[in-house]
Amino acid sequence: MNERRDPLAPGRGELLFAALGGAGEIGMNLNLYGTHGRWLMVDLGIGFGDESTPGIDVLVPDPGFIVERRAALEAIVLTHAHEDHLGAVAVLWPKLRCPVYASPFAAAVLRRKLAEAGLDDVPLRTVAPNERFDAGPFEVEFFTAAHSIPEGHVLAIRTEAGLAVHATDWKLDPAPLVGAETDMDGLRALGAEGVRALMIDSTNAMVDGSAGSEGALRESLTEIVAGCTGRVAVACFSSNIARIQTIAHAAAANDRQTCLVGRSMWRMVEAARETGYLADTAPFLTEHDAGYLPPERVAMAVTGSQGERRAALTRIAANDHPAVALEAGDTVIYSSRQIPGNEVAIGRVQNQLARQGIEVIVDGARETHVSGHPARDELRALYDCLKPASVVPIHGEARHLFEQVALAEEAGVDDALVAENGTLVRLIPGPLEQVGAVETGRLGVDGRQLVPLDGQTVRARHRIGAAGSAVATVVLDGRGRLAADPMVSLQGVTEPEEAEEFEEDAIDALIDAIEELPRNARADDERIEKTARSAVSGTLRRATGKRPAIQVHVVRV
């Protein structure tokens, strides 16, 4: 019997592309390229939960489409070590079980994550800059790219069908301080070779000019720290090794010592030193050391620039950190961009700091941050280098993707297409064409399990969070008669002083409803459960105007 052919399998002589994450959103990047019946994954990252994901702090893209085709997946290729590009490998690799290719620094970061997850059988292969390697019908080459983390890369993906370029998370920085400049000569050579399709970073497609240089920022932060009197805490992404080095430089120039606060920051610094970075930077102090120094001698690099619930700065602002405290006269400098969707969480932390008399400095009137993503002038420069035949925007929200299409057309690229998560596009042969739709979604890392964000678990938490919950217990004898009075317990429905009255009313309604049932219906546990839920729900709705989540236990004695 012949196996049924996969209708979405890529054919010989064509190159398909689909994003399962990161297109139409910022974070959770997962990109697929397909040719000759095989698939290549580029990046596998995480996102972060918020108030809409109760109990869930980390999100990952749903890999269901490629998990079903795991036998055809050649490899995962990681462009760099940011969490939104490699953070999900330790979560999802057991579902994929294929080789993973990464630069030395990204591999060092990933090994630590894999060890924490107890994964010691991942075939992790290290790739040097400008090295080419084969993964089935794909030949992949790494081109160095300046970014806010060492060893960012633009990928050349060569297939029998033609050449595609994956250009995420890069910029043009003449003084990146940590890591190499973007290899513009190599990219020009790709342009001469003939780029059939370009997948391009769109985060700053709406930003005029250029992203700015880490070298120039170092001067600005040094000047800002010079004007501070008490403790200084600088919030940044833990993976921004260049920024951590800049903070250390600004601290030393102002006779301060730098402490690292946040476990993820220590992990990143350890990986950086292991791979030869930060060699000229003095050893960092721990968060416990900060308490033994005079305030004017302290500079701290802290995690939590996005208001993450358990991050260091969030806990410090809430006076909940076990080792670090700030007070009136201290300063917190935000040295990161505000990722869309995090505005409320960031504002909450900043307000908590302000109430304690702590000065908060954000990027704006004073320069405290430069982006790691290309602005419009840099995007134009890449178009000029690569001269792509077609463009598919990636790494951005919908508005960024559409702006990238307009910019591509301005640069003379007539064939450009917005393809948000789940859109299957034929890149080669051109012109670009949507040829299908694939399964996408988001999963929440909920303790040791993965749960769909549109599933029962999260829906139930939303309902409980909005209206509380009630548990009813009904005990029946063998003939279906009540063997004891039912019990009803409320949580989060009303204030404790009113709960007893509401519970008694619900019990009375439940007794009446069950006693009104015909004898044969009392033998049906499902009927009893439905009747009890309806009685309790109706009583509480009339009393509170809300519909709590209700659970019914039926016990037979």
Protein backbone atom coordinates (compact mmCIF):
# COMPACT_ATOMS: atom_id res chain seq x y z
CA MET A 1 0.00 0.00 0.00
CA ASN A 2 1.46 3.39 -1.03
CA GLU A 3 1.79 6.12 1.57
CA ARG A 4 -0.38 9.15 0.95
CA ARG A 5 1.70 12.02 -0.45
CA ASP A 6 1.97 15.12 1.71
CA PRO A 7 0.15 17.87 -0.26
CA LEU A 8 2.37 20.51 1.39
CA ALA A 9 5.67 18.76 0.72
CA PRO A 10 8.10 20.96 -1.25
CA GLY A 11 8.91 19.70 -4.72
CA ARG A 12 12.19 19.42 -6.53
CA GLY A 13 13.19 22.67 -8.20
CA GLU A 14 11.13 24.82 -5.81
CA LEU A 15 11.89 26.51 -2.50
CA LEU A 16 9.08 27.06 -0.01
CA PHE A 17 9.04 29.25 3.10
CA ALA A 18 6.76 29.41 6.13
CA ALA A 19 7.09 31.17 9.47
CA LEU A 20 5.48 29.37 12.41
CA GLY A 21 6.49 32.23 14.70
CA GLY A 22 7.96 35.72 14.47
CA ALA A 23 6.03 36.99 11.43
CA GLY A 24 3.27 39.31 12.59
CA GLU A 25 4.75 39.43 16.10
CA ILE A 26 8.06 40.13 17.81
CA GLY A 27 9.50 37.01 19.42
CA MET A 28 9.09 33.23 19.12
CA ASN A 29 10.93 33.05 15.80
CA LEU A 30 10.55 29.77 13.92
CA ASN A 31 11.14 29.71 10.17
CA LEU A 32 10.97 26.81 7.74
CA TYR A 33 12.51 26.40 4.30
CA GLY A 34 11.50 23.45 2.13
CA THR A 35 12.86 21.89 -1.04
CA HIS A 36 12.99 18.44 -2.64
CA GLY A 37 10.71 16.97 0.04
CA ARG A 38 12.94 18.14 2.91
CA TRP A 39 12.76 20.95 5.48
CA LEU A 40 15.27 23.21 7.22
CA MET A 41 14.38 25.15 10.39
CA VAL A 42 15.97 28.53 11.06
CA ASP A 43 15.73 29.60 14.72
CA LEU A 44 13.49 28.30 17.48
CA GLY A 45 12.77 31.00 20.05
CA ILE A 46 10.55 31.93 22.96
CA GLY A 47 8.27 34.79 23.91
CA PHE A 48 7.13 35.94 27.34
CA GLY A 49 3.74 35.71 29.00
CA ASP A 50 1.75 38.58 30.45
CA GLU A 51 -1.58 39.18 32.18
CA SER A 52 -3.33 37.33 29.37
CA THR A 53 -1.45 34.10 30.19
CA PRO A 54 -2.09 33.51 33.91
CA GLY A 55 0.56 31.30 35.49
CA ILE A 56 2.58 31.10 32.27
CA ASP A 57 5.77 33.13 31.92
CA VAL A 58 7.30 31.56 28.79
CA LEU A 59 5.67 30.99 25.41
CA VAL A 60 6.89 28.92 22.46
CA PRO A 61 5.59 28.59 18.90
CA ASP A 62 3.48 25.53 18.20
CA PRO A 63 5.71 23.28 16.05
CA GLY A 64 2.89 20.86 15.21
CA PHE A 65 3.24 21.24 11.44
CA ILE A 66 6.92 20.26 11.37
CA VAL A 67 6.60 17.71 14.19
CA GLU A 68 4.25 15.77 11.91
CA ARG A 69 7.01 15.92 9.26
CA ARG A 70 9.91 15.31 11.63
CA ALA A 71 11.37 12.59 9.42
CA ALA A 72 11.84 15.21 6.69
CA LEU A 73 13.48 17.82 8.96
CA GLU A 74 17.21 18.04 8.22
CA ALA A 75 18.37 20.43 10.93
CA ILE A 76 17.78 23.47 13.11
CA VAL A 77 20.10 26.39 12.27
CA LEU A 78 20.42 29.15 14.87
CA THR A 79 21.31 32.64 13.66
CA HIS A 80 22.40 33.87 17.11
CA ALA A 81 21.94 33.43 20.85
CA HIS A 82 18.99 35.68 21.67
CA GLU A 83 16.17 34.01 23.59
CA ASP A 84 13.62 34.75 20.89
CA HIS A 85 15.78 32.78 18.45
CA LEU A 86 17.14 29.82 20.45
CA GLY A 87 15.31 29.80 23.78
CA ALA A 88 12.78 27.15 22.74
CA VAL A 89 15.31 24.55 21.62
CA ALA A 90 15.60 23.06 25.12
CA VAL A 91 11.78 22.93 25.30
CA LEU A 92 10.87 21.61 21.85
CA TRP A 93 13.89 19.62 20.67
CA PRO A 94 12.54 16.32 22.08
CA LYS A 95 9.67 16.67 19.60
CA LEU A 96 12.07 17.31 16.68
CA ARG A 97 15.26 15.30 17.38
CA CYS A 98 17.46 16.64 14.61
CA PRO A 99 20.97 18.17 14.47
CA VAL A 100 21.38 21.75 15.68
CA TYR A 101 23.91 24.14 14.09
CA ALA A 102 25.13 27.25 15.93
CA SER A 103 28.10 29.60 16.26
CA PRO A 104 30.54 29.01 19.16
CA PHE A 105 28.91 31.62 21.40
CA ALA A 106 25.34 30.50 20.63
CA ALA A 107 26.41 26.90 21.23
CA ALA A 108 27.91 27.84 24.61
CA VAL A 109 24.65 29.53 25.62
CA LEU A 110 22.55 26.62 24.37
CA ARG A 111 24.64 23.97 26.13
CA ARG A 112 23.79 25.56 29.47
CA LYS A 113 20.09 25.50 28.65
CA LEU A 114 20.22 21.90 27.48
CA ALA A 115 22.06 20.85 30.64
CA GLU A 116 19.37 22.49 32.81
CA ALA A 117 16.72 20.62 30.81
CA GLY A 118 18.56 17.30 31.20
CA LEU A 119 19.11 16.96 27.44
CA ASP A 120 22.52 15.41 26.88
CA ASP A 121 21.85 13.77 23.51
CA VAL A 122 21.31 16.83 21.30
CA PRO A 123 23.70 16.70 18.31
CA LEU A 124 25.01 20.29 18.58
CA ARG A 125 27.42 21.26 15.80
CA THR A 126 29.49 24.44 15.90
CA VAL A 127 29.83 26.60 12.79
CA ALA A 128 32.51 29.26 12.25
CA PRO A 129 31.82 32.57 10.48
CA ASN A 130 31.82 32.22 6.69
CA GLU A 131 31.77 28.45 7.01
CA ARG A 132 29.53 26.47 4.67
CA PHE A 133 27.85 23.22 5.62
CA ASP A 134 25.34 20.88 4.03
CA ALA A 135 22.06 19.79 5.59
CA GLY A 136 20.44 17.48 3.06
CA PRO A 137 19.56 19.49 -0.07
CA PHE A 138 20.41 22.77 1.71
CA GLU A 139 23.83 24.40 1.71
CA VAL A 140 24.03 27.03 4.47
CA GLU A 141 26.66 29.73 4.89
CA PHE A 142 27.10 32.07 7.86
CA PHE A 143 27.92 35.75 7.22
CA THR A 144 28.89 37.82 10.26
CA ALA A 145 26.44 40.53 11.28
CA ALA A 146 26.72 43.24 13.93
CA HIS A 147 24.02 42.98 16.54
CA SER A 148 23.55 43.50 20.28
CA ILE A 149 25.00 40.07 20.95
CA PRO A 150 28.20 38.41 19.72
CA GLU A 151 28.11 36.33 16.56
CA GLY A 152 24.96 37.44 14.85
CA HIS A 153 24.65 36.00 11.36
CA VAL A 154 22.94 36.53 8.04
CA LEU A 155 22.36 33.16 6.37
CA ALA A 156 22.83 32.27 2.72
CA ILE A 157 20.66 29.22 1.95
CA ARG A 158 21.61 27.62 -1.36
CA THR A 159 19.47 24.94 -2.97
CA GLU A 160 19.12 23.37 -6.38
CA ALA A 161 16.25 25.83 -6.92
CA GLY A 162 18.35 28.91 -6.16
CA LEU A 163 19.75 31.19 -3.44
CA ALA A 164 17.73 32.64 -0.56
CA VAL A 165 19.07 34.97 2.16
CA HIS A 166 17.74 35.01 5.73
CA ALA A 167 18.67 38.37 7.27
CA THR A 168 17.28 38.65 10.79
CA ASP A 169 18.73 40.63 13.73
CA TRP A 170 21.56 42.63 12.17
CA LYS A 171 22.58 46.23 11.73
CA LEU A 172 25.42 48.36 10.36
CA ASP A 173 27.61 49.41 13.28
CA PRO A 174 31.12 50.76 12.60
CA ALA A 175 31.98 50.30 16.30
CA PRO A 176 30.06 47.28 17.67
CA LEU A 177 32.63 46.92 20.53
CA VAL A 178 31.81 43.23 21.03
CA GLY A 179 31.75 41.03 17.95
CA ALA A 180 32.43 41.77 14.30
CA GLU A 181 30.97 44.31 11.90
CA THR A 182 28.45 43.17 9.32
CA ASP A 183 30.24 41.50 6.40
CA MET A 184 29.09 43.87 3.66
CA ASP A 185 31.72 42.60 1.18
CA GLY A 186 30.41 39.07 1.59
CA LEU A 187 26.83 40.25 1.15
CA ARG A 188 27.78 42.14 -2.03
CA ALA A 189 29.25 38.90 -3.34
CA LEU A 190 25.91 37.21 -2.64
CA GLY A 191 24.19 39.95 -4.59
CA ALA A 192 26.49 39.29 -7.54
CA GLU A 193 25.71 35.57 -7.26
CA GLY A 194 22.00 36.29 -7.58
CA VAL A 195 19.62 36.40 -4.61
CA ARG A 196 16.28 34.98 -5.62
CA ALA A 197 14.52 35.71 -2.31
CA LEU A 198 15.32 37.78 0.79
CA MET A 199 13.70 37.28 4.19
CA ILE A 200 14.49 40.50 6.05
CA ASP A 201 14.29 41.91 9.60
CA SER A 202 11.43 44.42 9.81
CA THR A 203 11.53 45.48 13.48
CA ASN A 204 12.72 49.02 12.67
CA ALA A 205 11.23 49.36 9.20
CA MET A 206 9.31 52.41 10.45
CA VAL A 207 12.40 54.08 11.97
CA ASP A 208 14.25 56.64 9.88
CA GLY A 209 18.03 56.85 9.78
CA SER A 210 20.18 54.15 11.34
CA ALA A 211 20.05 52.16 14.56
CA GLY A 212 23.10 53.85 16.08
CA SER A 213 26.44 52.60 17.34
CA GLU A 214 27.32 50.90 20.60
CA GLY A 215 30.52 52.95 20.59
CA ALA A 216 28.60 56.24 20.69
CA LEU A 217 26.25 54.90 23.36
CA ARG A 218 29.20 54.09 25.62
CA GLU A 219 30.04 57.80 25.81
CA SER A 220 26.45 58.73 26.60
CA LEU A 221 26.02 56.18 29.40
CA THR A 222 29.36 57.14 30.92
CA GLU A 223 28.21 60.77 31.07
CA ILE A 224 24.83 59.84 32.59
CA VAL A 225 26.43 57.69 35.30
CA ALA A 226 28.79 60.55 36.11
CA GLY A 227 25.78 62.66 37.12
CA CYS A 228 24.37 60.06 39.54
CA THR A 229 25.03 60.22 43.28
CA GLY A 230 23.62 57.03 44.82
CA ARG A 231 23.49 53.49 43.52
CA VAL A 232 23.03 53.05 39.78
CA ALA A 233 21.15 50.11 38.28
CA VAL A 234 21.12 49.71 34.50
CA ALA A 235 18.38 47.45 33.13
CA CYS A 236 19.16 45.66 29.89
CA PHE A 237 18.70 42.32 28.19
CA SER A 238 20.97 39.69 29.71
CA SER A 239 22.08 38.60 26.25
CA ASN A 240 23.32 42.09 25.30
CA ILE A 241 26.99 41.38 25.96
CA ALA A 242 28.11 44.62 24.33
CA ARG A 243 25.79 46.57 26.65
CA ILE A 244 27.07 44.75 29.72
CA GLN A 245 30.61 45.66 28.69
CA THR A 246 29.48 49.27 28.14
CA ILE A 247 27.96 49.37 31.65
CA ALA A 248 31.22 48.06 33.09
CA HIS A 249 33.17 50.73 31.20
CA ALA A 250 30.84 53.52 32.36
CA ALA A 251 31.11 52.25 35.94
CA ALA A 252 34.91 52.07 35.92
CA ALA A 253 35.18 55.55 34.41
CA ASN A 254 33.19 56.84 37.38
CA ASP A 255 35.03 54.87 40.07
CA ARG A 256 32.22 52.36 40.49
CA GLN A 257 32.31 48.57 40.56
CA THR A 258 29.89 46.55 38.45
CA CYS A 259 27.65 43.87 39.93
CA LEU A 260 25.54 41.49 37.87
CA VAL A 261 22.01 40.91 39.18
CA GLY A 262 20.03 38.10 37.60
CA ARG A 263 20.87 34.46 36.93
CA SER A 264 20.40 34.72 33.16
CA MET A 265 22.93 37.58 33.05
CA TRP A 266 25.55 35.43 34.78
CA ARG A 267 24.87 32.59 32.33
CA MET A 268 25.42 34.87 29.36
CA VAL A 269 28.61 36.38 30.78
CA GLU A 270 30.00 32.90 31.50
CA ALA A 271 29.29 31.86 27.89
CA ALA A 272 30.90 35.08 26.60
CA ARG A 273 34.09 34.57 28.60
CA GLU A 274 34.21 30.91 27.58
CA THR A 275 34.26 31.92 23.92
CA GLY A 276 36.80 34.73 24.25
CA TYR A 277 34.64 37.79 24.82
CA LEU A 278 34.92 40.28 27.71
CA ALA A 279 38.59 39.34 28.14
CA ASP A 280 39.53 42.97 28.88
CA THR A 281 36.65 43.53 31.29
CA ALA A 282 37.33 43.22 35.02
CA PRO A 283 35.58 40.44 36.94
CA PHE A 284 32.03 41.29 37.95
CA LEU A 285 30.84 41.34 41.54
CA THR A 286 27.84 39.35 42.71
CA GLU A 287 24.57 40.91 43.87
CA HIS A 288 25.58 40.07 47.46
CA ASP A 289 28.77 42.13 47.12
CA ALA A 290 26.80 45.28 46.32
CA GLY A 291 25.59 45.61 49.90
CA TYR A 292 29.15 45.96 51.22
CA LEU A 293 30.02 48.95 49.00
CA PRO A 294 29.14 52.61 49.55
CA PRO A 295 26.18 53.58 47.32
CA GLU A 296 28.30 55.94 45.20
CA ARG A 297 30.64 53.04 44.34
CA VAL A 298 27.92 50.70 43.04
CA ALA A 299 26.78 50.10 39.46
CA MET A 300 24.52 47.15 38.75
CA ALA A 301 23.56 45.50 35.48
CA VAL A 302 20.11 44.03 36.14
CA THR A 303 17.60 41.91 34.27
CA GLY A 304 13.94 42.91 34.01
CA SER A 305 13.91 45.74 31.48
CA GLN A 306 10.59 44.44 30.11
CA GLY A 307 8.84 44.17 33.48
CA GLU A 308 9.09 40.36 33.52
CA ARG A 309 7.32 39.02 36.59
CA ARG A 310 10.23 37.21 38.26
CA ALA A 311 13.12 39.25 36.88
CA ALA A 312 15.56 41.09 39.16
CA LEU A 313 14.38 44.67 38.62
CA THR A 314 10.72 43.74 39.06
CA ARG A 315 11.53 42.15 42.40
CA ILE A 316 13.76 45.05 43.45
CA ALA A 317 10.99 47.56 42.69
CA ALA A 318 8.57 45.51 44.80
CA ASN A 319 11.12 45.25 47.67
CA ASP A 320 11.04 41.48 47.14
CA HIS A 321 14.63 40.81 46.09
CA PRO A 322 16.62 38.68 48.57
CA ALA A 323 19.91 40.56 48.16
CA VAL A 324 19.40 43.95 46.48
CA ALA A 325 17.51 47.04 47.62
CA LEU A 326 17.28 50.53 46.16
CA GLU A 327 16.28 53.69 48.01
CA ALA A 328 15.59 57.38 47.48
CA GLY A 329 18.49 59.03 45.69
CA ASP A 330 19.38 55.94 43.65
CA THR A 331 18.96 55.81 39.87
CA VAL A 332 17.61 53.19 37.46
CA ILE A 333 18.59 53.56 33.80
CA TYR A 334 16.60 51.66 31.19
CA SER A 335 19.04 50.61 28.47
CA SER A 336 16.73 48.64 26.20
CA ARG A 337 13.82 49.18 23.86
CA GLN A 338 10.26 48.69 25.04
CA ILE A 339 8.95 45.62 23.24
CA PRO A 340 5.33 46.12 22.11
CA GLY A 341 2.95 44.46 24.54
CA ASN A 342 5.13 45.08 27.59
CA GLU A 343 4.09 48.69 28.18
CA VAL A 344 1.83 47.97 31.17
CA ALA A 345 4.35 45.72 32.94
CA ILE A 346 7.20 48.20 32.40
CA GLY A 347 5.08 51.13 33.56
CA ARG A 348 4.10 49.27 36.73
CA VAL A 349 7.76 48.73 37.68
CA GLN A 350 8.72 52.32 36.87
CA ASN A 351 5.86 53.66 38.98
CA GLN A 352 6.92 51.49 41.92
CA LEU A 353 10.44 52.88 41.64
CA ALA A 354 9.24 56.48 41.37
CA ARG A 355 7.11 56.15 44.53
CA GLN A 356 10.28 55.28 46.45
CA GLY A 357 12.12 58.40 45.30
CA ILE A 358 14.29 56.48 42.80
CA GLU A 359 15.08 58.39 39.62
CA VAL A 360 14.13 56.54 36.44
CA ILE A 361 15.92 57.44 33.19
CA VAL A 362 14.62 56.07 29.89
CA ASP A 363 15.83 56.46 26.34
CA GLY A 364 14.66 59.72 24.81
CA ALA A 365 15.93 63.07 25.97
CA ARG A 366 19.14 61.27 26.97
CA GLU A 367 20.52 58.40 24.93
CA THR A 368 20.48 55.20 26.97
CA HIS A 369 19.98 52.61 24.24
CA VAL A 370 20.74 51.80 20.63
CA SER A 371 18.81 49.12 18.81
CA GLY A 372 20.35 45.96 17.44
CA HIS A 373 18.00 46.02 14.45
CA PRO A 374 18.42 47.91 11.16
CA ALA A 375 16.57 51.17 10.57
CA ARG A 376 15.51 52.37 7.13
CA ASP A 377 18.90 53.61 5.89
CA GLU A 378 20.48 50.29 6.79
CA LEU A 379 17.67 48.35 5.13
CA ARG A 380 18.20 50.38 1.95
CA ALA A 381 21.92 49.56 2.12
CA LEU A 382 21.18 45.84 2.30
CA TYR A 383 18.81 46.04 -0.67
CA ASP A 384 21.57 47.78 -2.59
CA CYS A 385 24.05 45.01 -1.70
CA LEU A 386 21.88 41.99 -2.33
CA LYS A 387 19.64 43.24 -5.15
CA PRO A 388 17.06 40.55 -4.35
CA ALA A 389 14.48 39.45 -6.90
CA SER A 390 11.83 39.15 -4.18
CA VAL A 391 11.31 40.04 -0.50
CA VAL A 392 9.35 38.45 2.34
CA PRO A 393 9.45 40.57 5.56
CA ILE A 394 10.07 38.74 8.84
CA HIS A 395 10.69 39.64 12.50
CA GLY A 396 8.02 42.24 13.15
CA GLU A 397 4.39 42.98 13.81
CA ALA A 398 1.98 43.36 10.89
CA ARG A 399 2.56 47.11 10.61
CA HIS A 400 6.31 46.54 10.39
CA LEU A 401 5.90 43.88 7.70
CA PHE A 402 3.73 46.11 5.51
CA GLU A 403 6.16 49.01 5.94
CA GLN A 404 8.98 46.72 4.82
CA VAL A 405 7.07 45.85 1.65
CA ALA A 406 6.69 49.56 0.89
CA LEU A 407 10.41 50.09 1.51
CA ALA A 408 11.30 47.17 -0.77
CA GLU A 409 9.17 48.60 -3.54
CA GLU A 410 10.85 51.97 -3.03
CA ALA A 411 14.20 50.17 -3.45
CA GLY A 412 13.06 48.74 -6.79
CA VAL A 413 11.94 45.29 -5.65
CA ASP A 414 8.58 44.75 -7.32
CA ASP A 415 7.95 41.28 -5.91
CA ALA A 416 7.29 41.59 -2.15
CA LEU A 417 4.72 39.78 -0.03
CA VAL A 418 3.53 39.97 3.57
CA ALA A 419 3.29 36.40 4.87
CA GLU A 420 2.33 36.24 8.54
CA ASN A 421 2.65 33.10 10.64
CA GLY A 422 1.20 30.06 8.91
CA THR A 423 1.43 31.34 5.33
CA LEU A 424 3.22 28.89 3.04
CA VAL A 425 4.97 30.80 0.25
CA ARG A 426 6.70 29.54 -2.86
CA LEU A 427 9.87 31.62 -3.10
CA ILE A 428 11.39 29.92 -6.14
CA PRO A 429 10.44 29.79 -8.94
CA GLY A 430 9.01 33.29 -8.73
CA PRO A 431 7.02 35.38 -8.55
CA LEU A 432 6.15 34.90 -4.88
CA GLU A 433 2.96 32.94 -4.39
CA GLN A 434 0.98 31.80 -1.38
CA VAL A 435 0.50 28.09 -1.97
CA GLY A 436 -1.05 27.01 1.32
CA ALA A 437 -1.61 27.57 4.99
CA VAL A 438 -0.01 25.54 7.78
CA GLU A 439 -0.90 24.98 11.41
CA THR A 440 0.39 27.62 13.81
CA GLY A 441 -0.27 28.71 17.35
CA ARG A 442 1.31 29.38 20.70
CA LEU A 443 2.06 27.02 23.54
CA GLY A 444 2.63 28.02 27.14
CA VAL A 445 5.42 26.45 29.19
CA ASP A 446 3.33 25.60 32.23
CA GLY A 447 5.66 23.99 34.75
CA ARG A 448 6.70 20.71 33.14
CA GLN A 449 3.99 20.68 30.51
CA LEU A 450 3.08 22.54 27.33
CA VAL A 451 -0.46 23.88 27.06
CA PRO A 452 -2.13 25.60 24.09
CA LEU A 453 -2.99 29.21 24.84
CA ASP A 454 -6.43 28.71 23.32
CA GLY A 455 -7.02 25.49 25.28
CA GLN A 456 -9.13 24.60 28.30
CA THR A 457 -6.38 25.21 30.87
CA VAL A 458 -5.84 28.87 30.04
CA ARG A 459 -9.54 29.51 29.42
CA ALA A 460 -10.38 28.09 32.85
CA ARG A 461 -7.75 30.31 34.50
CA HIS A 462 -9.19 33.36 32.78
CA ARG A 463 -12.66 32.49 33.99
CA ILE A 464 -11.49 31.81 37.54
CA GLY A 465 -9.49 35.01 37.52
CA ALA A 466 -12.45 37.04 36.31
CA ALA A 467 -15.28 35.54 38.39
CA GLY A 468 -13.81 33.13 40.95
CA SER A 469 -14.71 29.49 41.40
CA ALA A 470 -17.11 27.26 43.30
CA VAL A 471 -16.80 23.59 44.26
CA ALA A 472 -19.96 21.63 45.04
CA THR A 473 -19.97 18.13 46.57
CA VAL A 474 -23.11 15.98 46.39
CA VAL A 475 -23.31 12.69 48.37
CA LEU A 476 -26.04 10.20 47.32
CA ASP A 477 -27.00 6.78 48.58
CA GLY A 478 -27.62 3.73 46.42
CA ARG A 479 -31.20 4.80 45.66
CA GLY A 480 -30.17 8.29 44.57
CA ARG A 481 -31.28 10.06 47.74
CA LEU A 482 -29.17 12.71 49.41
CA ALA A 483 -27.13 10.92 52.10
CA ALA A 484 -26.03 14.26 53.58
CA ASP A 485 -26.43 17.93 52.90
CA PRO A 486 -24.38 19.06 49.88
CA MET A 487 -21.31 21.24 50.42
CA VAL A 488 -20.44 24.37 48.44
CA SER A 489 -17.13 26.21 48.78
CA LEU A 490 -16.41 29.57 47.12
CA GLN A 491 -13.03 31.05 46.13
CA GLY A 492 -12.67 34.58 44.76
CA VAL A 493 -16.43 35.02 44.31
CA THR A 494 -17.12 37.46 47.13
CA GLU A 495 -15.66 38.76 50.36
CA PRO A 496 -15.33 36.18 53.18
CA GLU A 497 -18.02 37.80 55.34
CA GLU A 498 -20.59 37.30 52.56
CA ALA A 499 -19.37 33.91 51.31
CA GLU A 500 -21.19 31.85 53.97
CA GLU A 501 -24.56 33.34 53.07
CA PHE A 502 -23.99 32.75 49.35
CA GLU A 503 -22.88 29.18 50.03
CA GLU A 504 -26.01 28.44 52.08
CA ASP A 505 -28.26 29.85 49.33
CA ALA A 506 -26.45 27.71 46.75
CA ILE A 507 -26.86 24.59 48.94
CA ASP A 508 -30.60 25.21 49.34
CA ALA A 509 -30.99 25.62 45.56
CA LEU A 510 -28.94 22.48 44.94
CA ILE A 511 -31.07 20.38 47.36
CA ASP A 512 -34.31 21.58 45.74
CA ALA A 513 -32.99 20.85 42.24
CA ILE A 514 -31.90 17.29 43.05
CA GLU A 515 -35.05 16.41 44.97
CA GLU A 516 -37.12 17.53 41.97
CA LEU A 517 -35.36 15.05 39.69
CA PRO A 518 -37.22 11.84 38.77
CA ARG A 519 -35.91 8.72 40.56
CA ASN A 520 -34.40 7.24 37.37
CA ALA A 521 -32.50 10.50 36.68
CA ARG A 522 -30.83 10.30 40.10
CA ALA A 523 -28.98 7.17 38.97
CA ASP A 524 -27.22 9.17 36.27
CA ASP A 525 -24.11 10.92 37.66
CA GLU A 526 -23.84 13.11 34.58
CA ARG A 527 -27.43 14.31 35.05
CA ILE A 528 -26.77 14.99 38.76
CA GLU A 529 -23.61 16.95 37.91
CA LYS A 530 -25.39 19.05 35.28
CA THR A 531 -28.31 19.77 37.60
CA ALA A 532 -26.03 20.75 40.48
CA ARG A 533 -23.92 23.02 38.31
CA SER A 534 -27.01 24.79 36.96
CA ALA A 535 -28.45 25.32 40.45
CA VAL A 536 -25.23 26.72 41.91
CA SER A 537 -24.50 28.84 38.84
CA GLY A 538 -27.99 30.37 38.82
CA THR A 539 -27.86 31.23 42.51
CA LEU A 540 -24.44 32.88 42.29
CA ARG A 541 -25.31 34.74 39.11
CA ARG A 542 -28.37 36.27 40.73
CA ALA A 543 -26.35 37.19 43.82
CA THR A 544 -23.18 38.52 42.17
CA GLY A 545 -23.97 39.16 38.51
CA LYS A 546 -21.11 36.88 37.52
CA ARG A 547 -20.63 33.29 36.37
CA PRO A 548 -17.88 31.62 38.42
CA ALA A 549 -16.16 28.45 37.22
CA ILE A 550 -18.02 25.58 38.91
CA GLN A 551 -16.78 22.09 39.66
CA VAL A 552 -19.15 19.37 40.91
CA HIS A 553 -18.15 16.17 42.71
CA VAL A 554 -20.75 13.39 42.87
CA VAL A 555 -20.10 10.77 45.57
CA ARG A 556 -22.08 7.50 45.86
CA VAL A 557 -22.29 5.68 49.22
